[in-house]
Structure formats: C-alpha cells, structure tokens
C-alpha cells in the first residue's frame, strides 16, 4: 500500500509533509501554551495538526519500511542497508515523540477550552502540559532533523 505512487516510492512523497508538519505542530503547540492571548487564533491549527501530523508521520514510517524491504529484496549492499536501518530507527523514534506531542497538544486544548474552564481543574495543569509539550517539541524537532539529515545524506551520497 505504501510502496509506490505513480511509480515513485511512496516514502519520497510523504516525507516532505512530515518534515513540514512536525515542526509546525511543535512550534504552534508551545506557542499555544505560552501565549494565552493567541489561543483563540491557534486552537484550530493546533487541533488539526495534532490529528494530521501523527498520521502523516506514521505513513512516512511505514512507507520507509516498505522501501527498506524492497531494497533488501533486491540484494542491496550491507553498508547501505545499515545506514537505511539507522535512518529507520530515527524515524521510529520521531513517530513516538510526534504521537506524544499530539496527545499533549489535544489535552492542552481540552483543559484550556471554554467547556472545561468552569470545571475545577488545577490552575497549574495548563502550565504543566505546556512544559511537557515544550520538552516533547524539542525532542520531536531534534529527531525530525536527525531523520531528515540521515535520509538526505543517503540520497546525496548515492546510497539510495
């Protein structure tokens, strides 16, 4: 399912969306948490990104695994497969950080929404969720860089 789209590896098409959406989710979630005045302007974007970004990242991961299996089946050199495996590990880690960030973003939206504001939630809860989101955002940004950099190096060095 994720192997090819119009003859091109699906991974090549999907990764660009992940490279854009993960940093957007990270930055907008943190901005939503630390800038309460901007919340009415950012809530829809944070909510949409929190739903779409993990899906896109998962599709990028799955399509990468399909590409890795296809290269392995063609008898690709072991050195190249090792670099592809390292890239794949970065992608898997990125997926988990992205998923965690998305969940925290949705929780932050929920606890700051007008529907839950009147409930007796602790005042520190949005601050704690913002702190957790900031930590997850840093890790997601680091891993989107590591994943993208290792993949780009393989392409430019002619490994893939």
C-alpha atoms as a PDB file:
ATOM      1  CA  UNK A   1       0.000   0.000   0.000  1.00  0.00           C
ATOM      2  CA  UNK A   2       2.803   2.453   0.865  1.00  0.00           C
ATOM      3  CA  UNK A   3       5.353   1.183  -1.632  1.00  0.00           C
ATOM      4  CA  UNK A   4       4.658   3.269  -4.760  1.00  0.00           C
ATOM      5  CA  UNK A   5       2.546   6.142  -6.026  1.00  0.00           C
ATOM      6  CA  UNK A   6       2.602   6.576  -9.809  1.00  0.00           C
ATOM      7  CA  UNK A   7       5.866   4.645  -9.987  1.00  0.00           C
ATOM      8  CA  UNK A   8       7.640   6.731  -7.330  1.00  0.00           C
ATOM      9  CA  UNK A   9       8.485   5.380  -3.894  1.00  0.00           C
ATOM     10  CA  UNK A  10       5.695   6.499  -1.566  1.00  0.00           C
ATOM     11  CA  UNK A  11       8.245   7.401   1.076  1.00  0.00           C
ATOM     12  CA  UNK A  12       9.761  10.117  -1.085  1.00  0.00           C
ATOM     13  CA  UNK A  13       6.377  11.797  -1.461  1.00  0.00           C
ATOM     14  CA  UNK A  14       5.230  11.593   2.164  1.00  0.00           C
ATOM     15  CA  UNK A  15       8.404  12.603   3.990  1.00  0.00           C
ATOM     16  CA  UNK A  16       8.126  16.196   2.869  1.00  0.00           C
ATOM     17  CA  UNK A  17       4.796  16.554   4.636  1.00  0.00           C
ATOM     18  CA  UNK A  18       6.263  15.117   7.841  1.00  0.00           C
ATOM     19  CA  UNK A  19       9.285  17.425   7.642  1.00  0.00           C
ATOM     20  CA  UNK A  20       6.934  20.433   7.495  1.00  0.00           C
ATOM     21  CA  UNK A  21       4.134  19.303   9.826  1.00  0.00           C
ATOM     22  CA  UNK A  22       6.210  18.036  12.776  1.00  0.00           C
ATOM     23  CA  UNK A  23       7.973  21.400  13.327  1.00  0.00           C
ATOM     24  CA  UNK A  24       4.667  23.236  12.837  1.00  0.00           C
ATOM     25  CA  UNK A  25       2.986  21.067  15.463  1.00  0.00           C
ATOM     26  CA  UNK A  26       5.909  21.588  17.839  1.00  0.00           C
ATOM     27  CA  UNK A  27       6.075  25.356  17.445  1.00  0.00           C
ATOM     28  CA  UNK A  28       2.350  26.065  17.435  1.00  0.00           C
ATOM     29  CA  UNK A  29       1.666  23.831  20.433  1.00  0.00           C
ATOM     30  CA  UNK A  30       4.307  25.595  22.505  1.00  0.00           C
ATOM     31  CA  UNK A  31       3.062  28.998  21.288  1.00  0.00           C
ATOM     32  CA  UNK A  32      -0.491  27.997  22.227  1.00  0.00           C
ATOM     33  CA  UNK A  33       0.672  27.077  25.720  1.00  0.00           C
ATOM     34  CA  UNK A  34       2.837  30.117  26.469  1.00  0.00           C
ATOM     35  CA  UNK A  35       0.762  32.812  24.716  1.00  0.00           C
ATOM     36  CA  UNK A  36      -2.776  32.634  26.147  1.00  0.00           C
ATOM     37  CA  UNK A  37      -3.877  35.698  24.130  1.00  0.00           C
ATOM     38  CA  UNK A  38      -3.189  33.816  20.896  1.00  0.00           C
ATOM     39  CA  UNK A  39      -5.122  30.710  21.884  1.00  0.00           C
ATOM     40  CA  UNK A  40      -8.322  31.670  20.048  1.00  0.00           C
ATOM     41  CA  UNK A  41      -6.285  32.115  16.846  1.00  0.00           C
ATOM     42  CA  UNK A  42      -4.168  28.985  17.241  1.00  0.00           C
ATOM     43  CA  UNK A  43      -6.607  26.427  18.633  1.00  0.00           C
ATOM     44  CA  UNK A  44      -7.938  25.223  15.272  1.00  0.00           C
ATOM     45  CA  UNK A  45      -4.418  24.896  13.809  1.00  0.00           C
ATOM     46  CA  UNK A  46      -3.057  23.051  16.844  1.00  0.00           C
ATOM     47  CA  UNK A  47      -6.052  20.706  16.836  1.00  0.00           C
ATOM     48  CA  UNK A  48      -5.767  19.959  13.129  1.00  0.00           C
ATOM     49  CA  UNK A  49      -2.004  19.443  13.325  1.00  0.00           C
ATOM     50  CA  UNK A  50      -2.379  17.202  16.385  1.00  0.00           C
ATOM     51  CA  UNK A  51      -4.638  14.911  14.363  1.00  0.00           C
ATOM     52  CA  UNK A  52      -2.928  15.020  10.956  1.00  0.00           C
ATOM     53  CA  UNK A  53       0.774  15.070  11.903  1.00  0.00           C
ATOM     54  CA  UNK A  54       0.951  11.669  13.646  1.00  0.00           C
ATOM     55  CA  UNK A  55      -0.917  10.106  10.730  1.00  0.00           C
ATOM     56  CA  UNK A  56       1.478  11.596   8.182  1.00  0.00           C
ATOM     57  CA  UNK A  57       4.476  10.587  10.307  1.00  0.00           C
ATOM     58  CA  UNK A  58       3.141   7.034  10.594  1.00  0.00           C
ATOM     59  CA  UNK A  59       2.611   6.837   6.824  1.00  0.00           C
ATOM     60  CA  UNK A  60       6.163   8.140   6.291  1.00  0.00           C
ATOM     61  CA  UNK A  61       7.498   5.480   8.667  1.00  0.00           C
ATOM     62  CA  UNK A  62       5.514   2.668   7.065  1.00  0.00           C
ATOM     63  CA  UNK A  63       6.441   3.731   3.540  1.00  0.00           C
ATOM     64  CA  UNK A  64      10.096   3.886   4.601  1.00  0.00           C
ATOM     65  CA  UNK A  65       9.894   0.337   5.904  1.00  0.00           C
ATOM     66  CA  UNK A  66       8.355  -0.740   2.581  1.00  0.00           C
ATOM     67  CA  UNK A  67      11.223   0.929   0.721  1.00  0.00           C
ATOM     68  CA  UNK A  68      13.764  -0.720   3.025  1.00  0.00           C
ATOM     69  CA  UNK A  69      12.197  -4.145   2.397  1.00  0.00           C
ATOM     70  CA  UNK A  70      12.216  -3.545  -1.366  1.00  0.00           C
ATOM     71  CA  UNK A  71      15.898  -2.598  -1.326  1.00  0.00           C
ATOM     72  CA  UNK A  72      16.758  -5.583   0.856  1.00  0.00           C
ATOM     73  CA  UNK A  73      14.883  -7.917  -1.520  1.00  0.00           C
ATOM     74  CA  UNK A  74      16.933  -6.542  -4.424  1.00  0.00           C
ATOM     75  CA  UNK A  75      20.149  -7.537  -2.637  1.00  0.00           C
ATOM     76  CA  UNK A  76      21.203  -4.032  -1.667  1.00  0.00           C
ATOM     77  CA  UNK A  77      24.742  -3.764  -0.188  1.00  0.00           C
ATOM     78  CA  UNK A  78      25.009  -4.363   3.570  1.00  0.00           C
ATOM     79  CA  UNK A  79      26.666  -0.981   4.216  1.00  0.00           C
ATOM     80  CA  UNK A  80      23.765   0.835   2.584  1.00  0.00           C
ATOM     81  CA  UNK A  81      21.221  -1.260   4.454  1.00  0.00           C
ATOM     82  CA  UNK A  82      22.934  -0.399   7.739  1.00  0.00           C
ATOM     83  CA  UNK A  83      22.566   3.333   7.036  1.00  0.00           C
ATOM     84  CA  UNK A  84      18.961   2.810   5.991  1.00  0.00           C
ATOM     85  CA  UNK A  85      18.320   0.927   9.232  1.00  0.00           C
ATOM     86  CA  UNK A  86      19.821   3.796  11.271  1.00  0.00           C
ATOM     87  CA  UNK A  87      17.594   6.246   9.400  1.00  0.00           C
ATOM     88  CA  UNK A  88      14.620   3.967  10.076  1.00  0.00           C
ATOM     89  CA  UNK A  89      15.385   3.931  13.809  1.00  0.00           C
ATOM     90  CA  UNK A  90      15.403   7.741  13.869  1.00  0.00           C
ATOM     91  CA  UNK A  91      12.053   7.708  12.088  1.00  0.00           C
ATOM     92  CA  UNK A  92      10.533   5.274  14.587  1.00  0.00           C
ATOM     93  CA  UNK A  93      11.666   7.451  17.493  1.00  0.00           C
ATOM     94  CA  UNK A  94      10.309  10.538  15.746  1.00  0.00           C
ATOM     95  CA  UNK A  95       6.936   8.825  15.387  1.00  0.00           C
ATOM     96  CA  UNK A  96       6.703   8.212  19.142  1.00  0.00           C
ATOM     97  CA  UNK A  97       7.690  11.778  20.046  1.00  0.00           C
ATOM     98  CA  UNK A  98       5.217  13.136  17.498  1.00  0.00           C
ATOM     99  CA  UNK A  99       2.440  10.944  18.850  1.00  0.00           C
ATOM    100  CA  UNK A 100       3.198  12.042  22.425  1.00  0.00           C
ATOM    101  CA  UNK A 101       3.288  15.698  21.412  1.00  0.00           C
ATOM    102  CA  UNK A 102      -0.037  15.353  19.602  1.00  0.00           C
ATOM    103  CA  UNK A 103      -1.702  13.795  22.649  1.00  0.00           C
ATOM    104  CA  UNK A 104      -0.351  16.528  24.933  1.00  0.00           C
ATOM    105  CA  UNK A 105      -1.466  19.190  22.431  1.00  0.00           C
ATOM    106  CA  UNK A 106      -5.008  17.786  22.425  1.00  0.00           C
ATOM    107  CA  UNK A 107      -5.033  17.627  26.230  1.00  0.00           C
ATOM    108  CA  UNK A 108      -3.824  21.230  26.398  1.00  0.00           C
ATOM    109  CA  UNK A 109      -6.613  22.264  24.040  1.00  0.00           C
ATOM    110  CA  UNK A 110      -9.102  20.396  26.181  1.00  0.00           C
ATOM    111  CA  UNK A 111      -8.053  21.849  29.547  1.00  0.00           C
ATOM    112  CA  UNK A 112      -7.957  25.421  28.200  1.00  0.00           C
ATOM    113  CA  UNK A 113     -11.234  25.225  26.285  1.00  0.00           C
ATOM    114  CA  UNK A 114     -14.261  27.131  27.492  1.00  0.00           C
ATOM    115  CA  UNK A 115     -16.058  23.838  28.089  1.00  0.00           C
ATOM    116  CA  UNK A 116     -13.627  22.757  30.807  1.00  0.00           C
ATOM    117  CA  UNK A 117     -12.616  26.176  32.133  1.00  0.00           C
ATOM    118  CA  UNK A 118     -15.545  26.221  34.563  1.00  0.00           C
ATOM    119  CA  UNK A 119     -14.696  22.810  35.968  1.00  0.00           C
ATOM    120  CA  UNK A 120     -12.434  22.742  38.976  1.00  0.00           C
ATOM    121  CA  UNK A 121      -9.223  21.775  37.214  1.00  0.00           C
ATOM    122  CA  UNK A 122      -5.974  22.741  38.914  1.00  0.00           C
ATOM    123  CA  UNK A 123      -4.595  26.085  37.702  1.00  0.00           C
ATOM    124  CA  UNK A 124      -1.173  24.514  37.214  1.00  0.00           C
ATOM    125  CA  UNK A 125      -2.443  21.919  34.746  1.00  0.00           C
ATOM    126  CA  UNK A 126      -2.097  24.071  31.583  1.00  0.00           C
ATOM    127  CA  UNK A 127       1.392  25.111  32.712  1.00  0.00           C
ATOM    128  CA  UNK A 128       2.411  21.509  33.320  1.00  0.00           C
ATOM    129  CA  UNK A 129       1.038  20.418  29.942  1.00  0.00           C
ATOM    130  CA  UNK A 130       2.859  23.320  28.269  1.00  0.00           C
ATOM    131  CA  UNK A 131       6.121  22.246  29.922  1.00  0.00           C
ATOM    132  CA  UNK A 132       5.622  18.645  28.790  1.00  0.00           C
ATOM    133  CA  UNK A 133       4.742  19.891  25.291  1.00  0.00           C
ATOM    134  CA  UNK A 134       7.902  22.010  25.184  1.00  0.00           C
ATOM    135  CA  UNK A 135      10.086  19.028  26.115  1.00  0.00           C
ATOM    136  CA  UNK A 136       8.378  16.770  23.573  1.00  0.00           C
ATOM    137  CA  UNK A 137       8.617  19.543  20.958  1.00  0.00           C
ATOM    138  CA  UNK A 138      12.386  19.790  21.443  1.00  0.00           C
ATOM    139  CA  UNK A 139      12.787  16.034  21.060  1.00  0.00           C
ATOM    140  CA  UNK A 140      10.493  15.973  18.015  1.00  0.00           C
ATOM    141  CA  UNK A 141      12.498  18.773  16.396  1.00  0.00           C
ATOM    142  CA  UNK A 142      15.785  17.016  17.137  1.00  0.00           C
ATOM    143  CA  UNK A 143      14.525  13.741  15.686  1.00  0.00           C
ATOM    144  CA  UNK A 144      12.947  15.314  12.611  1.00  0.00           C
ATOM    145  CA  UNK A 145      16.362  16.847  11.969  1.00  0.00           C
ATOM    146  CA  UNK A 146      18.270  13.592  12.593  1.00  0.00           C
ATOM    147  CA  UNK A 147      15.859  11.588  10.457  1.00  0.00           C
ATOM    148  CA  UNK A 148      15.800  14.080   7.616  1.00  0.00           C
ATOM    149  CA  UNK A 149      19.548  14.673   7.704  1.00  0.00           C
ATOM    150  CA  UNK A 150      20.408  10.974   7.621  1.00  0.00           C
ATOM    151  CA  UNK A 151      17.954  10.398   4.766  1.00  0.00           C
ATOM    152  CA  UNK A 152      19.225  13.363   2.766  1.00  0.00           C
ATOM    153  CA  UNK A 153      22.842  12.278   3.226  1.00  0.00           C
ATOM    154  CA  UNK A 154      22.000   8.825   1.877  1.00  0.00           C
ATOM    155  CA  UNK A 155      20.377  10.349  -1.198  1.00  0.00           C
ATOM    156  CA  UNK A 156      23.126  12.875  -1.866  1.00  0.00           C
ATOM    157  CA  UNK A 157      25.883  10.324  -1.246  1.00  0.00           C
ATOM    158  CA  UNK A 158      24.264   7.968  -3.743  1.00  0.00           C
ATOM    159  CA  UNK A 159      23.482   5.263  -1.191  1.00  0.00           C
ATOM    160  CA  UNK A 160      19.775   5.278  -2.070  1.00  0.00           C
END
